[in-house]
Amino acid sequence: MPRKKLDRGVVNVRTARDTPDLLKEKAKERGFIYDGEGATGLFLDAIAHDEYELIPKEIWYKCLTLMREIQYNSKRGDKE
């Protein structure tokens, strides 16, 4: 039985040599998996369709710090 033809496009890009493997790894970590490997195409589809958001690492760390401060302060408020 022939493989089902997917309605997919192809994008060719030039990247650093390790970028395809890194993208595949990140896709898998985030649950975009096909045939046991990271599905880079599905990951890129999600980004392009605003289903997945990328933010600069600096902002991510500021958000984490703020959330930890809120958690710490809320626990302190319980004790008072």
Protein backbone atom coordinates (compact mmCIF):
# COMPACT_ATOMS: atom_id res chain seq x y z
CA MET A 1 0.00 0.00 0.00
CA PRO A 2 1.56 3.35 -1.00
CA ARG A 3 2.22 5.98 1.60
CA LYS A 4 -0.49 8.65 1.94
CA LYS A 5 0.52 11.88 0.25
CA LEU A 6 0.63 14.77 2.69
CA ASP A 7 -0.45 18.29 1.82
CA ARG A 8 2.87 19.80 2.80
CA GLY A 9 5.26 22.43 1.45
CA VAL A 10 9.02 22.38 1.39
CA VAL A 11 11.27 25.15 2.70
CA ASN A 12 14.99 25.15 2.02
CA VAL A 13 17.12 27.29 4.31
CA ARG A 14 20.80 27.67 5.01
CA THR A 15 21.71 27.29 8.65
CA ALA A 16 24.68 26.43 10.79
CA ARG A 17 25.57 22.75 10.43
CA ASP A 18 24.20 21.81 13.85
CA THR A 19 20.91 23.74 13.54
CA PRO A 20 18.80 20.94 11.97
CA ASP A 21 19.75 18.54 14.76
CA LEU A 22 19.16 21.20 17.41
CA LEU A 23 15.71 21.99 15.98
CA LYS A 24 14.82 18.31 15.88
CA GLU A 25 15.93 17.99 19.52
CA LYS A 26 13.91 21.04 20.61
CA ALA A 27 10.86 19.81 18.71
CA LYS A 28 11.01 16.46 20.50
CA GLU A 29 11.48 18.11 23.91
CA ARG A 30 8.31 20.12 23.28
CA GLY A 31 6.23 17.15 22.18
CA PHE A 32 6.40 17.57 18.40
CA ILE A 33 7.20 13.96 17.53
CA TYR A 34 6.85 11.87 14.40
CA ASP A 35 8.09 8.31 14.11
CA GLY A 36 9.92 8.60 17.44
CA GLU A 37 11.96 11.67 16.42
CA GLY A 38 11.52 15.40 16.74
CA ALA A 39 9.18 16.66 14.02
CA THR A 40 10.83 19.90 12.95
CA GLY A 41 8.12 20.64 10.38
CA LEU A 42 5.32 20.34 12.95
CA PHE A 43 7.30 22.55 15.34
CA LEU A 44 7.79 25.22 12.66
CA ASP A 45 4.09 24.98 11.67
CA ALA A 46 3.10 25.67 15.29
CA ILE A 47 5.41 28.70 15.46
CA ALA A 48 4.17 30.07 12.11
CA HIS A 49 0.50 29.68 13.11
CA ASP A 50 0.98 31.42 16.48
CA GLU A 51 0.26 28.20 18.38
CA TYR A 52 3.69 28.32 19.95
CA GLU A 53 5.50 31.44 21.11
CA LEU A 54 9.22 32.09 21.16
CA ILE A 55 10.53 34.69 23.55
CA PRO A 56 14.09 35.89 24.19
CA LYS A 57 15.86 33.98 26.95
CA GLU A 58 16.48 37.20 28.90
CA ILE A 59 12.74 37.88 29.16
CA TRP A 60 12.04 34.25 30.10
CA TYR A 61 14.49 34.48 33.01
CA LYS A 62 12.94 37.76 34.17
CA CYS A 63 9.50 36.09 34.16
CA LEU A 64 10.81 33.15 36.17
CA THR A 65 12.42 35.49 38.70
CA LEU A 66 9.19 37.46 39.05
CA MET A 67 7.12 34.30 39.51
CA ARG A 68 9.52 33.04 42.18
CA GLU A 69 9.30 36.37 44.02
CA ILE A 70 5.49 36.23 43.92
CA GLN A 71 5.54 32.66 45.23
CA TYR A 72 8.01 33.56 47.98
CA ASN A 73 6.01 36.62 49.05
CA SER A 74 2.71 34.73 49.06
CA LYS A 75 4.21 32.07 51.34
CA ARG A 76 5.54 34.78 53.67
CA GLY A 77 2.08 36.36 53.79
CA ASP A 78 0.57 33.06 54.93
CA LYS A 79 2.86 32.97 57.97
CA GLU A 80 2.00 36.48 59.15
